[in-house]
Structure formats: structure tokens, C-alpha cells
Amino acid sequence: MSSSADSQSNGTFSFTTFSNYVNGKPRGSKSQHHGINPVTKEELWPVPVATEQDVNDAVEAAAAAFPAWKNTPIDERCELVRKLSDAFMEHEEEFTKLLMAETGKPKMFASISSMWQADTRV
């Protein structure tokens, strides 16, 4: 599950609208789940629940992508992971707020969790 791009052209993202992504394309779902903020007991945003077909399609897409990935030189893989980490850190504040709402963590601990997720050390 990923946050959906509000606008692919300008690179903005919503941290309250989610889609499942299969083979780089967003998918919704007839079934949705709402988390609960453990501090406020407030119902959070809807997230799509993947179907068995979504999972099968994702596994198929991953299997199709693997041959190219396994032939990608390690230096190039590391650079891609660093770029992902950099992109994550550009939205560290949004991820921190997301974790605060989903887990009830105070900001300091949610921020540490966000930064730890982006720490690649590759």
C-alpha cells in the first residue's frame, strides 16, 4: 500500500488517500479498512484491502521484474535505494504525522521511526 499521488505531474502526495500498487499502477478495492488512532479513538482514512487477485498479480509482476533487477550492478542498486531514501526523507514530517496518527506515538518517537525507516547505509 502506498500513498497516492494527488498529481503525478507535480509530484505531490496525499498521506490520507491510499492505493495498492501492482506493477507500478494504482489499484483501489471494493473492500476498505479504517485504522483507529489509539490516542483519540478517531477513525482514520480508508485503505484498500488487497484481493487474492491483487496479490497474485503483484507476485507475477515481481517475478517478471526480477531478471532485470538481478542483473543490475550492485552500485546501481545502491544508488536507487539511496534515491528512495532521499525521496522518503523529503516527506519525513508527513510520515511522522502519519505514524503519530496510526500508532499514537509521541512526535519524538514517531520521528525517530520515520528516520530509521529511511536510513539506508548502503
PDB file of N, CA and C in Angstrom:
ATOM      1  N   MET A   1       0.846  -1.161   0.000  1.00  0.00           N
ATOM      2  CA  MET A   1       0.000   0.000   0.000  1.00  0.00           C
ATOM      3  C   MET A   1       0.891   1.222   0.000  1.00  0.00           C
ATOM      4  N   SER A   2       0.497   2.217  -0.743  1.00  0.00           N
ATOM      5  CA  SER A   2       1.269   3.448  -0.822  1.00  0.00           C
ATOM      6  C   SER A   2       0.322   4.623  -0.796  1.00  0.00           C
ATOM      7  N   SER A   3       0.852   5.786  -0.391  1.00  0.00           N
ATOM      8  CA  SER A   3       0.033   6.976  -0.516  1.00  0.00           C
ATOM      9  C   SER A   3      -0.066   7.307  -1.995  1.00  0.00           C
ATOM     10  N   SER A   4      -1.212   7.766  -2.406  1.00  0.00           N
ATOM     11  CA  SER A   4      -1.445   8.021  -3.820  1.00  0.00           C
ATOM     12  C   SER A   4      -0.984   9.406  -4.205  1.00  0.00           C
ATOM     13  N   ALA A   5      -0.496   9.505  -5.392  1.00  0.00           N
ATOM     14  CA  ALA A   5      -0.105  10.811  -5.903  1.00  0.00           C
ATOM     15  C   ALA A   5      -1.364  11.607  -6.188  1.00  0.00           C
ATOM     16  N   ASP A   6      -1.437  12.822  -5.652  1.00  0.00           N
ATOM     17  CA  ASP A   6      -2.541  13.704  -5.996  1.00  0.00           C
ATOM     18  C   ASP A   6      -2.386  14.142  -7.437  1.00  0.00           C
ATOM     19  N   SER A   7      -1.162  14.367  -7.817  1.00  0.00           N
ATOM     20  CA  SER A   7      -0.886  14.798  -9.179  1.00  0.00           C
ATOM     21  C   SER A   7       0.471  14.260  -9.583  1.00  0.00           C
ATOM     22  N   GLN A   8       0.481  13.312 -10.490  1.00  0.00           N
ATOM     23  CA  GLN A   8       1.746  12.747 -10.930  1.00  0.00           C
ATOM     24  C   GLN A   8       2.640  13.824 -11.542  1.00  0.00           C
ATOM     25  N   SER A   9       2.039  14.815 -12.145  1.00  0.00           N
ATOM     26  CA  SER A   9       2.836  15.816 -12.854  1.00  0.00           C
ATOM     27  C   SER A   9       3.618  16.731 -11.929  1.00  0.00           C
ATOM     28  N   ASN A  10       3.071  17.038 -10.739  1.00  0.00           N
ATOM     29  CA  ASN A  10       3.814  17.948  -9.867  1.00  0.00           C
ATOM     30  C   ASN A  10       4.432  17.237  -8.668  1.00  0.00           C
ATOM     31  N   GLY A  11       4.271  15.911  -8.585  1.00  0.00           N
ATOM     32  CA  GLY A  11       4.961  15.149  -7.557  1.00  0.00           C
ATOM     33  C   GLY A  11       4.426  15.322  -6.155  1.00  0.00           C
ATOM     34  N   THR A  12       3.210  15.834  -5.975  1.00  0.00           N
ATOM     35  CA  THR A  12       2.653  15.948  -4.629  1.00  0.00           C
ATOM     36  C   THR A  12       1.940  14.654  -4.268  1.00  0.00           C
ATOM     37  N   PHE A  13       1.911  14.370  -2.975  1.00  0.00           N
ATOM     38  CA  PHE A  13       1.307  13.142  -2.496  1.00  0.00           C
ATOM     39  C   PHE A  13       0.322  13.437  -1.390  1.00  0.00           C
ATOM     40  N   SER A  14      -0.668  12.595  -1.301  1.00  0.00           N
ATOM     41  CA  SER A  14      -1.610  12.657  -0.197  1.00  0.00           C
ATOM     42  C   SER A  14      -1.213  11.598   0.813  1.00  0.00           C
ATOM     43  N   PHE A  15      -1.220  11.960   2.058  1.00  0.00           N
ATOM     44  CA  PHE A  15      -0.925  10.998   3.107  1.00  0.00           C
ATOM     45  C   PHE A  15      -2.201  10.547   3.804  1.00  0.00           C
ATOM     46  N   THR A  16      -3.345  10.759   3.128  1.00  0.00           N
ATOM     47  CA  THR A  16      -4.623  10.276   3.643  1.00  0.00           C
ATOM     48  C   THR A  16      -5.441   9.588   2.553  1.00  0.00           C
ATOM     49  N   THR A  17      -4.896   9.445   1.370  1.00  0.00           N
ATOM     50  CA  THR A  17      -5.536   8.738   0.267  1.00  0.00           C
ATOM     51  C   THR A  17      -4.573   7.654  -0.188  1.00  0.00           C
ATOM     52  N   PHE A  18      -5.033   6.406  -0.143  1.00  0.00           N
ATOM     53  CA  PHE A  18      -4.126   5.293  -0.395  1.00  0.00           C
ATOM     54  C   PHE A  18      -4.629   4.379  -1.499  1.00  0.00           C
ATOM     55  N   SER A  19      -3.685   3.754  -2.155  1.00  0.00           N
ATOM     56  CA  SER A  19      -3.963   2.751  -3.186  1.00  0.00           C
ATOM     57  C   SER A  19      -2.988   1.610  -2.999  1.00  0.00           C
ATOM     58  N   ASN A  20      -3.360   0.455  -3.487  1.00  0.00           N
ATOM     59  CA  ASN A  20      -2.400  -0.628  -3.626  1.00  0.00           C
ATOM     60  C   ASN A  20      -1.770  -0.441  -4.996  1.00  0.00           C
ATOM     61  N   TYR A  21      -0.482  -0.691  -5.103  1.00  0.00           N
ATOM     62  CA  TYR A  21       0.202  -0.569  -6.387  1.00  0.00           C
ATOM     63  C   TYR A  21       0.658  -1.940  -6.849  1.00  0.00           C
ATOM     64  N   VAL A  22       0.302  -2.271  -8.087  1.00  0.00           N
ATOM     65  CA  VAL A  22       0.722  -3.520  -8.710  1.00  0.00           C
ATOM     66  C   VAL A  22       1.329  -3.167 -10.056  1.00  0.00           C
ATOM     67  N   ASN A  23       2.572  -3.560 -10.239  1.00  0.00           N
ATOM     68  CA  ASN A  23       3.287  -3.285 -11.486  1.00  0.00           C
ATOM     69  C   ASN A  23       3.300  -1.787 -11.810  1.00  0.00           C
ATOM     70  N   GLY A  24       3.444  -0.977 -10.769  1.00  0.00           N
ATOM     71  CA  GLY A  24       3.549   0.466 -10.938  1.00  0.00           C
ATOM     72  C   GLY A  24       2.248   1.203 -11.157  1.00  0.00           C
ATOM     73  N   LYS A  25       1.115   0.499 -11.072  1.00  0.00           N
ATOM     74  CA  LYS A  25      -0.185   1.134 -11.308  1.00  0.00           C
ATOM     75  C   LYS A  25      -1.050   1.044 -10.054  1.00  0.00           C
ATOM     76  N   PRO A  26      -1.735   2.154  -9.714  1.00  0.00           N
ATOM     77  CA  PRO A  26      -2.580   2.133  -8.516  1.00  0.00           C
ATOM     78  C   PRO A  26      -3.836   1.295  -8.731  1.00  0.00           C
ATOM     79  N   ARG A  27      -4.249   0.635  -7.663  1.00  0.00           N
ATOM     80  CA  ARG A  27      -5.496  -0.130  -7.655  1.00  0.00           C
ATOM     81  C   ARG A  27      -6.288   0.232  -6.410  1.00  0.00           C
ATOM     82  N   GLY A  28      -7.548   0.398  -6.606  1.00  0.00           N
ATOM     83  CA  GLY A  28      -8.452   0.573  -5.477  1.00  0.00           C
ATOM     84  C   GLY A  28      -8.970  -0.787  -5.056  1.00  0.00           C
ATOM     85  N   SER A  29     -10.033  -0.790  -4.273  1.00  0.00           N
ATOM     86  CA  SER A  29     -10.623  -2.038  -3.820  1.00  0.00           C
ATOM     87  C   SER A  29     -12.055  -1.788  -3.398  1.00  0.00           C
ATOM     88  N   LYS A  30     -12.897  -2.793  -3.588  1.00  0.00           N
ATOM     89  CA  LYS A  30     -14.279  -2.688  -3.105  1.00  0.00           C
ATOM     90  C   LYS A  30     -14.308  -2.740  -1.585  1.00  0.00           C
ATOM     91  N   SER A  31     -13.306  -3.394  -1.004  1.00  0.00           N
ATOM     92  CA  SER A  31     -13.227  -3.525   0.442  1.00  0.00           C
ATOM     93  C   SER A  31     -12.184  -2.559   0.991  1.00  0.00           C
ATOM     94  N   GLN A  32     -12.569  -1.850   2.043  1.00  0.00           N
ATOM     95  CA  GLN A  32     -11.641  -0.904   2.662  1.00  0.00           C
ATOM     96  C   GLN A  32     -11.580  -1.132   4.163  1.00  0.00           C
ATOM     97  N   HIS A  33     -10.472  -0.711   4.731  1.00  0.00           N
ATOM     98  CA  HIS A  33     -10.259  -0.810   6.173  1.00  0.00           C
ATOM     99  C   HIS A  33      -9.935   0.584   6.693  1.00  0.00           C
ATOM    100  N   HIS A  34     -10.396   0.874   7.892  1.00  0.00           N
ATOM    101  CA  HIS A  34     -10.074   2.140   8.553  1.00  0.00           C
ATOM    102  C   HIS A  34      -9.318   1.817   9.834  1.00  0.00           C
ATOM    103  N   GLY A  35      -8.122   2.374   9.956  1.00  0.00           N
ATOM    104  CA  GLY A  35      -7.410   2.252  11.220  1.00  0.00           C
ATOM    105  C   GLY A  35      -8.066   3.144  12.256  1.00  0.00           C
ATOM    106  N   ILE A  36      -7.665   2.995  13.480  1.00  0.00           N
ATOM    107  CA  ILE A  36      -8.174   3.816  14.579  1.00  0.00           C
ATOM    108  C   ILE A  36      -6.982   4.449  15.282  1.00  0.00           C
ATOM    109  N   ASN A  37      -7.028   5.763  15.448  1.00  0.00           N
ATOM    110  CA  ASN A  37      -5.991   6.447  16.202  1.00  0.00           C
ATOM    111  C   ASN A  37      -6.114   5.979  17.653  1.00  0.00           C
ATOM    112  N   PRO A  38      -5.075   5.324  18.200  1.00  0.00           N
ATOM    113  CA  PRO A  38      -5.199   4.762  19.550  1.00  0.00           C
ATOM    114  C   PRO A  38      -5.291   5.819  20.656  1.00  0.00           C
ATOM    115  N   VAL A  39      -4.908   7.042  20.358  1.00  0.00           N
ATOM    116  CA  VAL A  39      -4.967   8.097  21.362  1.00  0.00           C
ATOM    117  C   VAL A  39      -6.346   8.754  21.375  1.00  0.00           C
ATOM    118  N   THR A  40      -6.844   9.131  20.186  1.00  0.00           N
ATOM    119  CA  THR A  40      -8.109   9.870  20.100  1.00  0.00           C
ATOM    120  C   THR A  40      -9.305   8.969  19.838  1.00  0.00           C
ATOM    121  N   LYS A  41      -9.042   7.711  19.455  1.00  0.00           N
ATOM    122  CA  LYS A  41     -10.075   6.746  19.057  1.00  0.00           C
ATOM    123  C   LYS A  41     -10.795   7.170  17.780  1.00  0.00           C
ATOM    124  N   GLU A  42     -10.237   8.138  17.067  1.00  0.00           N
ATOM    125  CA  GLU A  42     -10.791   8.635  15.815  1.00  0.00           C
ATOM    126  C   GLU A  42     -10.531   7.627  14.694  1.00  0.00           C
ATOM    127  N   GLU A  43     -11.556   7.408  13.868  1.00  0.00           N
ATOM    128  CA  GLU A  43     -11.390   6.551  12.700  1.00  0.00           C
ATOM    129  C   GLU A  43     -10.517   7.281  11.689  1.00  0.00           C
ATOM    130  N   LEU A  44      -9.521   6.565  11.168  1.00  0.00           N
ATOM    131  CA  LEU A  44      -8.598   7.154  10.210  1.00  0.00           C
ATOM    132  C   LEU A  44      -9.090   6.929   8.787  1.00  0.00           C
ATOM    133  N   TRP A  45      -8.333   7.367   7.832  1.00  0.00           N
ATOM    134  CA  TRP A  45      -8.619   7.306   6.415  1.00  0.00           C
ATOM    135  C   TRP A  45      -8.839   5.867   5.941  1.00  0.00           C
ATOM    136  N   PRO A  46      -9.591   5.703   4.875  1.00  0.00           N
ATOM    137  CA  PRO A  46      -9.791   4.355   4.332  1.00  0.00           C
ATOM    138  C   PRO A  46      -8.552   3.883   3.566  1.00  0.00           C
ATOM    139  N   VAL A  47      -8.255   2.607   3.700  1.00  0.00           N
ATOM    140  CA  VAL A  47      -7.178   1.988   2.922  1.00  0.00           C
ATOM    141  C   VAL A  47      -7.753   0.770   2.220  1.00  0.00           C
ATOM    142  N   PRO A  48      -7.367   0.554   0.967  1.00  0.00           N
ATOM    143  CA  PRO A  48      -7.914  -0.583   0.232  1.00  0.00           C
ATOM    144  C   PRO A  48      -7.364  -1.909   0.761  1.00  0.00           C
ATOM    145  N   VAL A  49      -8.229  -2.899   0.779  1.00  0.00           N
ATOM    146  CA  VAL A  49      -7.819  -4.249   1.171  1.00  0.00           C
ATOM    147  C   VAL A  49      -7.569  -5.027  -0.117  1.00  0.00           C
ATOM    148  N   ALA A  50      -6.356  -5.539  -0.261  1.00  0.00           N
ATOM    149  CA  ALA A  50      -5.982  -6.267  -1.472  1.00  0.00           C
ATOM    150  C   ALA A  50      -6.765  -7.572  -1.572  1.00  0.00           C
ATOM    151  N   THR A  51      -7.108  -7.917  -2.798  1.00  0.00           N
ATOM    152  CA  THR A  51      -7.770  -9.190  -3.060  1.00  0.00           C
ATOM    153  C   THR A  51      -6.709 -10.259  -3.341  1.00  0.00           C
ATOM    154  N   GLU A  52      -7.141 -11.494  -3.397  1.00  0.00           N
ATOM    155  CA  GLU A  52      -6.229 -12.572  -3.764  1.00  0.00           C
ATOM    156  C   GLU A  52      -5.665 -12.319  -5.160  1.00  0.00           C
ATOM    157  N   GLN A  53      -6.501 -11.786  -6.066  1.00  0.00           N
ATOM    158  CA  GLN A  53      -6.033 -11.492  -7.422  1.00  0.00           C
ATOM    159  C   GLN A  53      -4.973 -10.397  -7.417  1.00  0.00           C
ATOM    160  N   ASP A  54      -5.151  -9.381  -6.565  1.00  0.00           N
ATOM    161  CA  ASP A  54      -4.132  -8.334  -6.440  1.00  0.00           C
ATOM    162  C   ASP A  54      -2.794  -8.938  -6.028  1.00  0.00           C
ATOM    163  N   VAL A  55      -2.834  -9.832  -5.055  1.00  0.00           N
ATOM    164  CA  VAL A  55      -1.600 -10.469  -4.578  1.00  0.00           C
ATOM    165  C   VAL A  55      -0.981 -11.314  -5.684  1.00  0.00           C
ATOM    166  N   ASN A  56      -1.797 -12.097  -6.359  1.00  0.00           N
ATOM    167  CA  ASN A  56      -1.279 -12.929  -7.455  1.00  0.00           C
ATOM    168  C   ASN A  56      -0.661 -12.071  -8.551  1.00  0.00           C
ATOM    169  N   ASP A  57      -1.333 -10.963  -8.892  1.00  0.00           N
ATOM    170  CA  ASP A  57      -0.802 -10.061  -9.919  1.00  0.00           C
ATOM    171  C   ASP A  57       0.512  -9.425  -9.472  1.00  0.00           C
ATOM    172  N   ALA A  58       0.603  -9.075  -8.190  1.00  0.00           N
ATOM    173  CA  ALA A  58       1.832  -8.468  -7.665  1.00  0.00           C
ATOM    174  C   ALA A  58       2.984  -9.471  -7.699  1.00  0.00           C
ATOM    175  N   VAL A  59       2.704 -10.713  -7.347  1.00  0.00           N
ATOM    176  CA  VAL A  59       3.741 -11.742  -7.389  1.00  0.00           C
ATOM    177  C   VAL A  59       4.199 -11.964  -8.832  1.00  0.00           C
ATOM    178  N   GLU A  60       3.254 -11.982  -9.755  1.00  0.00           N
ATOM    179  CA  GLU A  60       3.591 -12.153 -11.172  1.00  0.00           C
ATOM    180  C   GLU A  60       4.446 -10.986 -11.672  1.00  0.00           C
ATOM    181  N   ALA A  61       4.073  -9.769 -11.305  1.00  0.00           N
ATOM    182  CA  ALA A  61       4.835  -8.592 -11.727  1.00  0.00           C
ATOM    183  C   ALA A  61       6.241  -8.610 -11.131  1.00  0.00           C
ATOM    184  N   ALA A  62       6.349  -9.020  -9.868  1.00  0.00           N
ATOM    185  CA  ALA A  62       7.670  -9.093  -9.222  1.00  0.00           C
ATOM    186  C   ALA A  62       8.538 -10.146  -9.906  1.00  0.00           C
ATOM    187  N   ALA A  63       7.941 -11.277 -10.239  1.00  0.00           N
ATOM    188  CA  ALA A  63       8.706 -12.337 -10.921  1.00  0.00           C
ATOM    189  C   ALA A  63       9.180 -11.864 -12.292  1.00  0.00           C
ATOM    190  N   ALA A  64       8.349 -11.095 -12.984  1.00  0.00           N
ATOM    191  CA  ALA A  64       8.731 -10.576 -14.298  1.00  0.00           C
ATOM    192  C   ALA A  64       9.840  -9.532 -14.187  1.00  0.00           C
ATOM    193  N   ALA A  65       9.837  -8.757 -13.107  1.00  0.00           N
ATOM    194  CA  ALA A  65      10.839  -7.706 -12.922  1.00  0.00           C
ATOM    195  C   ALA A  65      12.171  -8.245 -12.401  1.00  0.00           C
ATOM    196  N   PHE A  66      12.138  -9.398 -11.753  1.00  0.00           N
ATOM    197  CA  PHE A  66      13.342  -9.903 -11.097  1.00  0.00           C
ATOM    198  C   PHE A  66      14.529 -10.126 -12.028  1.00  0.00           C
ATOM    199  N   PRO A  67      14.373 -10.704 -13.229  1.00  0.00           N
ATOM    200  CA  PRO A  67      15.559 -10.927 -14.069  1.00  0.00           C
ATOM    201  C   PRO A  67      16.358  -9.644 -14.348  1.00  0.00           C
ATOM    202  N   ALA A  68      15.661  -8.553 -14.623  1.00  0.00           N
ATOM    203  CA  ALA A  68      16.368  -7.289 -14.866  1.00  0.00           C
ATOM    204  C   ALA A  68      17.036  -6.790 -13.588  1.00  0.00           C
ATOM    205  N   TRP A  69      16.341  -6.927 -12.449  1.00  0.00           N
ATOM    206  CA  TRP A  69      16.899  -6.466 -11.184  1.00  0.00           C
ATOM    207  C   TRP A  69      18.132  -7.273 -10.806  1.00  0.00           C
ATOM    208  N   LYS A  70      18.089  -8.590 -10.965  1.00  0.00           N
ATOM    209  CA  LYS A  70      19.233  -9.412 -10.555  1.00  0.00           C
ATOM    210  C   LYS A  70      20.462  -9.143 -11.424  1.00  0.00           C
ATOM    211  N   ASN A  71      20.242  -8.603 -12.614  1.00  0.00           N
ATOM    212  CA  ASN A  71      21.366  -8.263 -13.499  1.00  0.00           C
ATOM    213  C   ASN A  71      21.817  -6.814 -13.349  1.00  0.00           C
ATOM    214  N   THR A  72      21.163  -6.085 -12.465  1.00  0.00           N
ATOM    215  CA  THR A  72      21.540  -4.695 -12.213  1.00  0.00           C
ATOM    216  C   THR A  72      22.767  -4.690 -11.299  1.00  0.00           C
ATOM    217  N   PRO A  73      23.830  -4.000 -11.687  1.00  0.00           N
ATOM    218  CA  PRO A  73      25.043  -3.963 -10.852  1.00  0.00           C
ATOM    219  C   PRO A  73      24.740  -3.425  -9.449  1.00  0.00           C
ATOM    220  N   ILE A  74      25.462  -3.940  -8.476  1.00  0.00           N
ATOM    221  CA  ILE A  74      25.237  -3.574  -7.076  1.00  0.00           C
ATOM    222  C   ILE A  74      25.356  -2.068  -6.853  1.00  0.00           C
ATOM    223  N   ASP A  75      26.297  -1.405  -7.513  1.00  0.00           N
ATOM    224  CA  ASP A  75      26.439   0.048  -7.348  1.00  0.00           C
ATOM    225  C   ASP A  75      25.177   0.779  -7.800  1.00  0.00           C
ATOM    226  N   GLU A  76      24.597   0.313  -8.889  1.00  0.00           N
ATOM    227  CA  GLU A  76      23.370   0.939  -9.384  1.00  0.00           C
ATOM    228  C   GLU A  76      22.205   0.658  -8.432  1.00  0.00           C
ATOM    229  N   ARG A  77      22.137  -0.548  -7.900  1.00  0.00           N
ATOM    230  CA  ARG A  77      21.081  -0.870  -6.925  1.00  0.00           C
ATOM    231  C   ARG A  77      21.198   0.028  -5.701  1.00  0.00           C
ATOM    232  N   CYS A  78      22.426   0.178  -5.208  1.00  0.00           N
ATOM    233  CA  CYS A  78      22.654   1.031  -4.034  1.00  0.00           C
ATOM    234  C   CYS A  78      22.219   2.462  -4.306  1.00  0.00           C
ATOM    235  N   GLU A  79      22.546   2.959  -5.487  1.00  0.00           N
ATOM    236  CA  GLU A  79      22.152   4.326  -5.839  1.00  0.00           C
ATOM    237  C   GLU A  79      20.628   4.460  -5.871  1.00  0.00           C
ATOM    238  N   LEU A  80      19.945   3.477  -6.390  1.00  0.00           N
ATOM    239  CA  LEU A  80      18.474   3.516  -6.422  1.00  0.00           C
ATOM    240  C   LEU A  80      17.892   3.507  -5.010  1.00  0.00           C
ATOM    241  N   VAL A  81      18.471   2.708  -4.125  1.00  0.00           N
ATOM    242  CA  VAL A  81      17.997   2.672  -2.742  1.00  0.00           C
ATOM    243  C   VAL A  81      18.269   4.013  -2.057  1.00  0.00           C
ATOM    244  N   ARG A  82      19.423   4.622  -2.328  1.00  0.00           N
ATOM    245  CA  ARG A  82      19.720   5.947  -1.769  1.00  0.00           C
ATOM    246  C   ARG A  82      18.714   6.985  -2.266  1.00  0.00           C
ATOM    247  N   LYS A  83      18.370   6.919  -3.541  1.00  0.00           N
ATOM    248  CA  LYS A  83      17.378   7.855  -4.088  1.00  0.00           C
ATOM    249  C   LYS A  83      16.020   7.660  -3.414  1.00  0.00           C
ATOM    250  N   LEU A  84      15.653   6.413  -3.177  1.00  0.00           N
ATOM    251  CA  LEU A  84      14.400   6.139  -2.474  1.00  0.00           C
ATOM    252  C   LEU A  84      14.443   6.719  -1.066  1.00  0.00           C
ATOM    253  N   SER A  85      15.559   6.540  -0.394  1.00  0.00           N
ATOM    254  CA  SER A  85      15.723   7.091   0.941  1.00  0.00           C
ATOM    255  C   SER A  85      15.623   8.618   0.925  1.00  0.00           C
ATOM    256  N   ASP A  86      16.259   9.241  -0.044  1.00  0.00           N
ATOM    257  CA  ASP A  86      16.194  10.704  -0.168  1.00  0.00           C
ATOM    258  C   ASP A  86      14.751  11.168  -0.392  1.00  0.00           C
ATOM    259  N   ALA A  87      14.033  10.452  -1.256  1.00  0.00           N
ATOM    260  CA  ALA A  87      12.632  10.810  -1.526  1.00  0.00           C
ATOM    261  C   ALA A  87      11.796  10.655  -0.256  1.00  0.00           C
ATOM    262  N   PHE A  88      12.057   9.595   0.489  1.00  0.00           N
ATOM    263  CA  PHE A  88      11.356   9.380   1.752  1.00  0.00           C
ATOM    264  C   PHE A  88      11.620  10.541   2.707  1.00  0.00           C
ATOM    265  N   MET A  89      12.874  10.932   2.827  1.00  0.00           N
ATOM    266  CA  MET A  89      13.236  12.000   3.765  1.00  0.00           C
ATOM    267  C   MET A  89      12.663  13.355   3.367  1.00  0.00           C
ATOM    268  N   GLU A  90      12.378  13.555   2.096  1.00  0.00           N
ATOM    269  CA  GLU A  90      11.721  14.799   1.671  1.00  0.00           C
ATOM    270  C   GLU A  90      10.333  14.924   2.297  1.00  0.00           C
ATOM    271  N   HIS A  91       9.771  13.806   2.723  1.00  0.00           N
ATOM    272  CA  HIS A  91       8.425  13.788   3.315  1.00  0.00           C
ATOM    273  C   HIS A  91       8.453  13.273   4.751  1.00  0.00           C
ATOM    274  N   GLU A  92       9.591  13.434   5.418  1.00  0.00           N
ATOM    275  CA  GLU A  92       9.742  12.909   6.771  1.00  0.00           C
ATOM    276  C   GLU A  92       8.682  13.459   7.717  1.00  0.00           C
ATOM    277  N   GLU A  93       8.358  14.722   7.611  1.00  0.00           N
ATOM    278  CA  GLU A  93       7.356  15.323   8.503  1.00  0.00           C
ATOM    279  C   GLU A  93       5.984  14.682   8.281  1.00  0.00           C
ATOM    280  N   GLU A  94       5.618  14.450   7.020  1.00  0.00           N
ATOM    281  CA  GLU A  94       4.336  13.821   6.724  1.00  0.00           C
ATOM    282  C   GLU A  94       4.298  12.383   7.239  1.00  0.00           C
ATOM    283  N   PHE A  95       5.418  11.644   7.056  1.00  0.00           N
ATOM    284  CA  PHE A  95       5.473  10.278   7.573  1.00  0.00           C
ATOM    285  C   PHE A  95       5.397  10.265   9.099  1.00  0.00           C
ATOM    286  N   THR A  96       6.023  11.243   9.732  1.00  0.00           N
ATOM    287  CA  THR A  96       5.958  11.342  11.188  1.00  0.00           C
ATOM    288  C   THR A  96       4.518  11.539  11.646  1.00  0.00           C
ATOM    289  N   LYS A  97       3.798  12.440  10.998  1.00  0.00           N
ATOM    290  CA  LYS A  97       2.391  12.683  11.356  1.00  0.00           C
ATOM    291  C   LYS A  97       1.546  11.436  11.119  1.00  0.00           C
ATOM    292  N   LEU A  98       1.827  10.739  10.042  1.00  0.00           N
ATOM    293  CA  LEU A  98       1.114   9.504   9.731  1.00  0.00           C
ATOM    294  C   LEU A  98       1.328   8.478  10.851  1.00  0.00           C
ATOM    295  N   LEU A  99       2.590   8.290  11.254  1.00  0.00           N
ATOM    296  CA  LEU A  99       2.885   7.353  12.336  1.00  0.00           C
ATOM    297  C   LEU A  99       2.255   7.772  13.655  1.00  0.00           C
ATOM    298  N   MET A 100       2.230   9.064  13.923  1.00  0.00           N
ATOM    299  CA  MET A 100       1.608   9.554  15.153  1.00  0.00           C
ATOM    300  C   MET A 100       0.128   9.174  15.179  1.00  0.00           C
ATOM    301  N   ALA A 101      -0.564   9.361  14.047  1.00  0.00           N
ATOM    302  CA  ALA A 101      -1.990   9.045  13.987  1.00  0.00           C
ATOM    303  C   ALA A 101      -2.238   7.545  14.042  1.00  0.00           C
ATOM    304  N   GLU A 102      -1.414   6.767  13.337  1.00  0.00           N
ATOM    305  CA  GLU A 102      -1.642   5.321  13.264  1.00  0.00           C
ATOM    306  C   GLU A 102      -1.242   4.575  14.532  1.00  0.00           C
ATOM    307  N   THR A 103      -0.218   5.063  15.215  1.00  0.00           N
ATOM    308  CA  THR A 103       0.328   4.302  16.345  1.00  0.00           C
ATOM    309  C   THR A 103       0.146   4.977  17.693  1.00  0.00           C
ATOM    310  N   GLY A 104      -0.169   6.268  17.686  1.00  0.00           N
ATOM    311  CA  GLY A 104      -0.284   7.000  18.939  1.00  0.00           C
ATOM    312  C   GLY A 104       1.056   7.406  19.519  1.00  0.00           C
ATOM    313  N   LYS A 105       2.136   7.232  18.749  1.00  0.00           N
ATOM    314  CA  LYS A 105       3.461   7.592  19.256  1.00  0.00           C
ATOM    315  C   LYS A 105       3.566   9.103  19.400  1.00  0.00           C
ATOM    316  N   PRO A 106       4.260   9.564  20.439  1.00  0.00           N
ATOM    317  CA  PRO A 106       4.574  10.992  20.522  1.00  0.00           C
ATOM    318  C   PRO A 106       5.467  11.375  19.339  1.00  0.00           C
ATOM    319  N   LYS A 107       5.479  12.660  18.992  1.00  0.00           N
ATOM    320  CA  LYS A 107       6.215  13.118  17.816  1.00  0.00           C
ATOM    321  C   LYS A 107       7.685  12.695  17.841  1.00  0.00           C
ATOM    322  N   MET A 108       8.339  12.798  18.971  1.00  0.00           N
ATOM    323  CA  MET A 108       9.762  12.463  19.037  1.00  0.00           C
ATOM    324  C   MET A 108       9.998  11.014  18.610  1.00  0.00           C
ATOM    325  N   PHE A 109       9.185  10.095  19.103  1.00  0.00           N
ATOM    326  CA  PHE A 109       9.382   8.679  18.770  1.00  0.00           C
ATOM    327  C   PHE A 109       8.932   8.361  17.350  1.00  0.00           C
ATOM    328  N   ALA A 110       7.866   9.011  16.895  1.00  0.00           N
ATOM    329  CA  ALA A 110       7.416   8.803  15.517  1.00  0.00           C
ATOM    330  C   ALA A 110       8.464   9.318  14.539  1.00  0.00           C
ATOM    331  N   SER A 111       9.101  10.436  14.870  1.00  0.00           N
ATOM    332  CA  SER A 111      10.142  10.993  14.011  1.00  0.00           C
ATOM    333  C   SER A 111      11.345  10.058  13.938  1.00  0.00           C
ATOM    334  N   ILE A 112      11.728   9.497  15.069  1.00  0.00           N
ATOM    335  CA  ILE A 112      12.844   8.543  15.079  1.00  0.00           C
ATOM    336  C   ILE A 112      12.503   7.345  14.204  1.00  0.00           C
ATOM    337  N   SER A 113      11.278   6.853  14.303  1.00  0.00           N
ATOM    338  CA  SER A 113      10.851   5.721  13.474  1.00  0.00           C
ATOM    339  C   SER A 113      10.889   6.069  11.995  1.00  0.00           C
ATOM    340  N   SER A 114      10.433   7.273  11.650  1.00  0.00           N
ATOM    341  CA  SER A 114      10.456   7.703  10.249  1.00  0.00           C
ATOM    342  C   SER A 114      11.873   7.756   9.718  1.00  0.00           C
ATOM    343  N   MET A 115      12.769   8.349  10.484  1.00  0.00           N
ATOM    344  CA  MET A 115      14.152   8.477  10.026  1.00  0.00           C
ATOM    345  C   MET A 115      14.826   7.105   9.959  1.00  0.00           C
ATOM    346  N   TRP A 116      14.503   6.224  10.899  1.00  0.00           N
ATOM    347  CA  TRP A 116      15.088   4.887  10.892  1.00  0.00           C
ATOM    348  C   TRP A 116      14.663   4.130   9.637  1.00  0.00           C
ATOM    349  N   GLN A 117      13.416   4.304   9.212  1.00  0.00           N
ATOM    350  CA  GLN A 117      12.934   3.635   8.009  1.00  0.00           C
ATOM    351  C   GLN A 117      13.697   4.088   6.773  1.00  0.00           C
ATOM    352  N   ALA A 118      14.121   5.334   6.745  1.00  0.00           N
ATOM    353  CA  ALA A 118      14.808   5.870   5.574  1.00  0.00           C
ATOM    354  C   ALA A 118      16.327   5.678   5.631  1.00  0.00           C
ATOM    355  N   ASP A 119      16.839   5.205   6.745  1.00  0.00           N
ATOM    356  CA  ASP A 119      18.282   5.043   6.910  1.00  0.00           C
ATOM    357  C   ASP A 119      18.753   3.829   6.099  1.00  0.00           C
ATOM    358  N   THR A 120      19.488   4.095   5.040  1.00  0.00           N
ATOM    359  CA  THR A 120      19.887   3.009   4.143  1.00  0.00           C
ATOM    360  C   THR A 120      21.273   2.480   4.411  1.00  0.00           C
ATOM    361  N   ARG A 121      22.204   3.347   4.725  1.00  0.00           N
ATOM    362  CA  ARG A 121      23.590   2.947   4.947  1.00  0.00           C
ATOM    363  C   ARG A 121      24.082   1.935   3.920  1.00  0.00           C
ATOM    364  N   VAL A 122      23.718   2.172   2.678  1.00  0.00           N
ATOM    365  CA  VAL A 122      24.115   1.253   1.608  1.00  0.00           C
ATOM    366  C   VAL A 122      25.414   1.728   0.996  1.00  0.00           C
TER     367      VAL A 122
END
